[in-house]
């Protein structure tokens, strides 16, 4: 999702994004190119919305090992106590059937 489509004026959400960025930048294993790529996208803003408004993040990403140098949505969500689900799990929970 383009960052321009996310509401970014909520100061609490902005604060949560700052906390996420601090966590990612200070993480001892994440490497710079992956940090920059993660922080440049809408991912931190989506996670921040879930933190501040109580929600679950829907993603195609799978968590990676704790010693991975890549920054992934499920791992960051776990750090902040946010649950994640896959698109398929969300559709199943909503009772969507495709025929």
N, C-alpha and C. Protein backbone atom coordinates (compact mmCIF):
# COMPACT_ATOMS: atom_id res chain seq x y z
N UNK A 1 0.85 -1.17 0.00
CA UNK A 1 0.00 0.00 0.00
C UNK A 1 0.90 1.23 0.00
N UNK A 2 0.61 2.18 -0.88
CA UNK A 2 1.40 3.41 -0.88
C UNK A 2 1.21 4.17 0.42
N UNK A 3 2.29 4.71 0.92
CA UNK A 3 2.25 5.46 2.18
C UNK A 3 1.28 6.63 2.09
N UNK A 4 1.11 7.21 0.92
CA UNK A 4 0.24 8.37 0.76
C UNK A 4 -1.23 8.05 1.02
N UNK A 5 -1.60 6.78 1.03
CA UNK A 5 -2.99 6.40 1.26
C UNK A 5 -3.30 6.13 2.73
N UNK A 6 -2.30 6.17 3.58
CA UNK A 6 -2.51 5.92 5.00
C UNK A 6 -2.71 7.22 5.75
N UNK A 7 -3.69 7.26 6.67
CA UNK A 7 -3.83 8.46 7.49
C UNK A 7 -2.65 8.58 8.45
N UNK A 8 -1.91 9.66 8.35
CA UNK A 8 -0.68 9.79 9.14
C UNK A 8 -0.71 10.99 10.09
N UNK A 9 -1.87 11.57 10.32
CA UNK A 9 -1.93 12.77 11.15
C UNK A 9 -2.17 12.48 12.63
N UNK A 10 -2.53 11.27 12.98
CA UNK A 10 -2.79 10.91 14.37
C UNK A 10 -1.47 10.90 15.14
N UNK A 11 -1.32 11.79 16.15
CA UNK A 11 -0.05 11.86 16.88
C UNK A 11 0.31 10.56 17.59
N UNK A 12 -0.68 9.80 18.04
CA UNK A 12 -0.39 8.53 18.71
C UNK A 12 0.17 7.51 17.72
N UNK A 13 -0.37 7.51 16.52
CA UNK A 13 0.14 6.62 15.48
C UNK A 13 1.55 7.05 15.08
N UNK A 14 1.76 8.35 14.96
CA UNK A 14 3.10 8.85 14.63
C UNK A 14 4.10 8.45 15.71
N UNK A 15 3.69 8.51 16.97
CA UNK A 15 4.56 8.09 18.07
C UNK A 15 4.87 6.59 17.97
N UNK A 16 3.87 5.79 17.63
CA UNK A 16 4.09 4.35 17.48
C UNK A 16 5.05 4.07 16.32
N UNK A 17 4.94 4.83 15.23
CA UNK A 17 5.87 4.66 14.11
C UNK A 17 7.29 4.97 14.57
N UNK A 18 7.45 6.00 15.37
CA UNK A 18 8.77 6.35 15.91
C UNK A 18 9.32 5.20 16.75
N UNK A 19 8.48 4.60 17.58
CA UNK A 19 8.91 3.47 18.40
C UNK A 19 9.33 2.28 17.53
N UNK A 20 8.56 2.03 16.48
CA UNK A 20 8.88 0.94 15.56
C UNK A 20 10.22 1.22 14.86
N UNK A 21 10.39 2.44 14.38
CA UNK A 21 11.64 2.80 13.70
C UNK A 21 12.83 2.68 14.65
N UNK A 22 12.66 3.12 15.88
CA UNK A 22 13.73 2.99 16.87
C UNK A 22 14.08 1.52 17.09
N UNK A 23 13.07 0.69 17.24
CA UNK A 23 13.31 -0.75 17.44
C UNK A 23 14.08 -1.34 16.26
N UNK A 24 13.60 -1.06 15.05
CA UNK A 24 14.24 -1.62 13.85
C UNK A 24 15.68 -1.11 13.72
N UNK A 25 15.88 0.18 13.89
CA UNK A 25 17.22 0.76 13.74
C UNK A 25 18.20 0.28 14.80
N UNK A 26 17.71 -0.01 15.99
CA UNK A 26 18.59 -0.45 17.08
C UNK A 26 18.77 -1.96 17.14
N UNK A 27 17.99 -2.69 16.36
CA UNK A 27 18.08 -4.15 16.38
C UNK A 27 19.49 -4.56 15.98
N UNK A 28 20.15 -5.38 16.80
CA UNK A 28 21.56 -5.69 16.55
C UNK A 28 21.81 -6.60 15.35
N UNK A 29 20.80 -7.28 14.86
CA UNK A 29 21.02 -8.23 13.77
C UNK A 29 20.52 -7.72 12.42
N UNK A 30 19.43 -6.96 12.42
CA UNK A 30 18.91 -6.44 11.15
C UNK A 30 20.00 -5.63 10.45
N UNK A 31 20.13 -5.83 9.13
CA UNK A 31 21.15 -5.12 8.37
C UNK A 31 20.55 -3.91 7.66
N UNK A 32 21.40 -2.91 7.43
CA UNK A 32 20.94 -1.61 6.93
C UNK A 32 20.04 -1.67 5.69
N UNK A 33 20.41 -2.36 4.63
CA UNK A 33 19.52 -2.31 3.45
C UNK A 33 18.10 -2.78 3.77
N UNK A 34 17.99 -3.78 4.64
CA UNK A 34 16.67 -4.31 4.99
C UNK A 34 15.94 -3.37 5.93
N UNK A 35 16.67 -2.71 6.82
CA UNK A 35 16.06 -1.70 7.70
C UNK A 35 15.47 -0.58 6.86
N UNK A 36 16.28 -0.04 5.95
CA UNK A 36 15.84 1.08 5.12
C UNK A 36 14.64 0.70 4.26
N UNK A 37 14.68 -0.49 3.69
CA UNK A 37 13.58 -0.95 2.85
C UNK A 37 12.28 -1.06 3.66
N UNK A 38 12.36 -1.64 4.83
CA UNK A 38 11.18 -1.80 5.69
C UNK A 38 10.61 -0.44 6.09
N UNK A 39 11.47 0.46 6.53
CA UNK A 39 11.02 1.75 7.05
C UNK A 39 10.52 2.69 5.95
N UNK A 40 10.91 2.45 4.70
CA UNK A 40 10.49 3.32 3.60
C UNK A 40 9.09 2.99 3.09
N UNK A 41 8.58 1.85 3.49
CA UNK A 41 7.27 1.41 3.01
C UNK A 41 6.18 1.74 4.04
N UNK A 42 4.99 1.30 3.75
CA UNK A 42 3.85 1.55 4.63
C UNK A 42 3.82 0.60 5.83
N UNK A 43 4.66 -0.42 5.83
CA UNK A 43 4.62 -1.44 6.88
C UNK A 43 4.63 -0.87 8.30
N UNK A 44 5.55 0.05 8.65
CA UNK A 44 5.53 0.57 10.02
C UNK A 44 4.24 1.31 10.36
N UNK A 45 3.66 1.97 9.36
CA UNK A 45 2.42 2.71 9.59
C UNK A 45 1.24 1.77 9.82
N UNK A 46 1.21 0.68 9.09
CA UNK A 46 0.14 -0.31 9.28
C UNK A 46 0.25 -0.93 10.67
N UNK A 47 1.46 -1.29 11.07
CA UNK A 47 1.68 -1.85 12.40
C UNK A 47 1.32 -0.83 13.47
N UNK A 48 1.68 0.43 13.26
CA UNK A 48 1.37 1.49 14.22
C UNK A 48 -0.14 1.67 14.38
N UNK A 49 -0.88 1.57 13.28
CA UNK A 49 -2.35 1.65 13.36
C UNK A 49 -2.88 0.52 14.23
N UNK A 50 -2.34 -0.68 14.06
CA UNK A 50 -2.78 -1.83 14.87
C UNK A 50 -2.43 -1.62 16.34
N UNK A 51 -1.26 -1.05 16.61
CA UNK A 51 -0.86 -0.79 17.99
C UNK A 51 -1.83 0.19 18.64
N UNK A 52 -2.11 1.27 17.97
CA UNK A 52 -2.90 2.35 18.57
C UNK A 52 -4.40 2.11 18.54
N UNK A 53 -4.89 1.36 17.59
CA UNK A 53 -6.34 1.19 17.46
C UNK A 53 -6.79 -0.24 17.71
N UNK A 54 -5.86 -1.08 18.15
CA UNK A 54 -6.22 -2.46 18.45
C UNK A 54 -6.62 -3.20 17.20
N UNK A 55 -5.74 -3.93 16.67
CA UNK A 55 -6.05 -4.64 15.44
C UNK A 55 -5.08 -5.76 15.19
N UNK A 56 -5.34 -6.46 14.14
CA UNK A 56 -4.51 -7.56 13.69
C UNK A 56 -4.00 -7.17 12.31
N UNK A 57 -2.76 -7.49 12.01
CA UNK A 57 -2.17 -7.14 10.72
C UNK A 57 -2.29 -8.35 9.79
N UNK A 58 -2.83 -8.09 8.61
CA UNK A 58 -2.97 -9.13 7.59
C UNK A 58 -1.79 -9.00 6.62
N UNK A 59 -1.08 -10.09 6.41
CA UNK A 59 0.11 -10.04 5.57
C UNK A 59 0.36 -11.37 4.88
N UNK A 60 1.04 -11.30 3.75
CA UNK A 60 1.51 -12.52 3.08
C UNK A 60 2.85 -12.96 3.64
N UNK A 61 3.50 -12.10 4.42
CA UNK A 61 4.82 -12.43 4.95
C UNK A 61 4.73 -13.48 6.05
N UNK A 62 5.76 -14.29 6.12
CA UNK A 62 5.91 -15.27 7.20
C UNK A 62 7.02 -14.80 8.12
N UNK A 63 6.93 -15.14 9.40
CA UNK A 63 8.02 -14.75 10.29
C UNK A 63 9.33 -15.43 9.88
N UNK A 64 10.42 -14.76 10.21
CA UNK A 64 11.75 -15.34 9.96
C UNK A 64 12.40 -15.64 11.29
N UNK A 65 13.48 -16.41 11.27
CA UNK A 65 14.20 -16.76 12.49
C UNK A 65 14.67 -15.50 13.21
N UNK A 66 14.77 -15.59 14.52
CA UNK A 66 15.18 -14.44 15.33
C UNK A 66 16.56 -13.91 14.95
N UNK A 67 17.38 -14.75 14.36
CA UNK A 67 18.72 -14.31 13.97
C UNK A 67 18.81 -13.87 12.51
N UNK A 68 17.67 -13.67 11.86
CA UNK A 68 17.66 -13.23 10.46
C UNK A 68 18.00 -11.75 10.37
N UNK A 69 18.69 -11.38 9.32
CA UNK A 69 19.05 -9.98 9.10
C UNK A 69 17.95 -9.22 8.37
N UNK A 70 16.90 -9.91 7.96
CA UNK A 70 15.78 -9.27 7.25
C UNK A 70 14.71 -8.83 8.25
N UNK A 71 14.10 -7.69 7.97
CA UNK A 71 13.02 -7.16 8.80
C UNK A 71 11.71 -7.62 8.18
N UNK A 72 10.91 -8.35 8.93
CA UNK A 72 9.63 -8.85 8.42
C UNK A 72 8.49 -8.40 9.34
N UNK A 73 7.35 -8.14 8.73
CA UNK A 73 6.17 -7.65 9.46
C UNK A 73 5.83 -8.54 10.66
N UNK A 74 5.72 -9.87 10.51
CA UNK A 74 5.32 -10.68 11.67
C UNK A 74 6.29 -10.57 12.85
N UNK A 75 7.58 -10.44 12.57
CA UNK A 75 8.55 -10.33 13.65
C UNK A 75 8.41 -9.00 14.39
N UNK A 76 8.22 -7.92 13.65
CA UNK A 76 8.04 -6.61 14.29
C UNK A 76 6.73 -6.59 15.06
N UNK A 77 5.68 -7.15 14.49
CA UNK A 77 4.39 -7.21 15.19
C UNK A 77 4.53 -7.97 16.51
N UNK A 78 5.23 -9.09 16.48
CA UNK A 78 5.43 -9.89 17.70
C UNK A 78 6.11 -9.05 18.78
N UNK A 79 7.10 -8.28 18.39
CA UNK A 79 7.83 -7.44 19.34
C UNK A 79 6.89 -6.46 20.04
N UNK A 80 5.85 -5.99 19.33
CA UNK A 80 4.94 -5.00 19.88
C UNK A 80 3.61 -5.61 20.33
N UNK A 81 3.54 -6.94 20.39
CA UNK A 81 2.34 -7.60 20.90
C UNK A 81 1.16 -7.56 19.95
N UNK A 82 1.42 -7.42 18.66
CA UNK A 82 0.35 -7.36 17.67
C UNK A 82 0.24 -8.72 16.97
N UNK A 83 -0.96 -9.23 16.87
CA UNK A 83 -1.19 -10.50 16.19
C UNK A 83 -1.18 -10.28 14.68
N UNK A 84 -0.76 -11.30 13.96
CA UNK A 84 -0.80 -11.27 12.50
C UNK A 84 -1.61 -12.45 12.00
N UNK A 85 -2.07 -12.32 10.78
CA UNK A 85 -2.79 -13.40 10.12
C UNK A 85 -2.50 -13.32 8.63
N UNK A 86 -2.71 -14.42 7.95
CA UNK A 86 -2.50 -14.41 6.50
C UNK A 86 -3.79 -13.97 5.82
N UNK A 87 -3.68 -13.62 4.57
CA UNK A 87 -4.86 -13.24 3.80
C UNK A 87 -5.83 -14.41 3.75
N UNK A 88 -5.31 -15.60 3.57
CA UNK A 88 -6.17 -16.78 3.48
C UNK A 88 -6.90 -17.05 4.80
N UNK A 89 -6.20 -16.89 5.91
CA UNK A 89 -6.84 -17.07 7.22
C UNK A 89 -7.92 -16.02 7.44
N UNK A 90 -7.67 -14.79 7.00
CA UNK A 90 -8.66 -13.73 7.13
C UNK A 90 -9.91 -14.06 6.32
N UNK A 91 -9.72 -14.49 5.08
CA UNK A 91 -10.86 -14.83 4.23
C UNK A 91 -11.65 -15.98 4.83
N UNK A 92 -10.95 -16.98 5.35
CA UNK A 92 -11.62 -18.11 6.00
C UNK A 92 -12.44 -17.64 7.20
N UNK A 93 -11.85 -16.77 8.02
CA UNK A 93 -12.54 -16.26 9.22
C UNK A 93 -13.76 -15.44 8.84
N UNK A 94 -13.70 -14.77 7.71
CA UNK A 94 -14.84 -13.96 7.25
C UNK A 94 -15.89 -14.80 6.53
N UNK A 95 -15.60 -16.08 6.34
CA UNK A 95 -16.56 -16.96 5.68
C UNK A 95 -16.60 -16.80 4.17
N UNK A 96 -15.54 -16.25 3.59
CA UNK A 96 -15.50 -16.05 2.15
C UNK A 96 -15.16 -17.38 1.48
N UNK A 97 -15.95 -17.72 0.47
CA UNK A 97 -15.65 -18.91 -0.32
C UNK A 97 -15.51 -18.48 -1.78
N UNK A 98 -14.54 -19.05 -2.43
CA UNK A 98 -14.31 -18.75 -3.84
C UNK A 98 -14.66 -19.98 -4.65
N UNK A 99 -15.52 -19.77 -5.61
CA UNK A 99 -15.94 -20.91 -6.44
C UNK A 99 -15.71 -20.63 -7.90
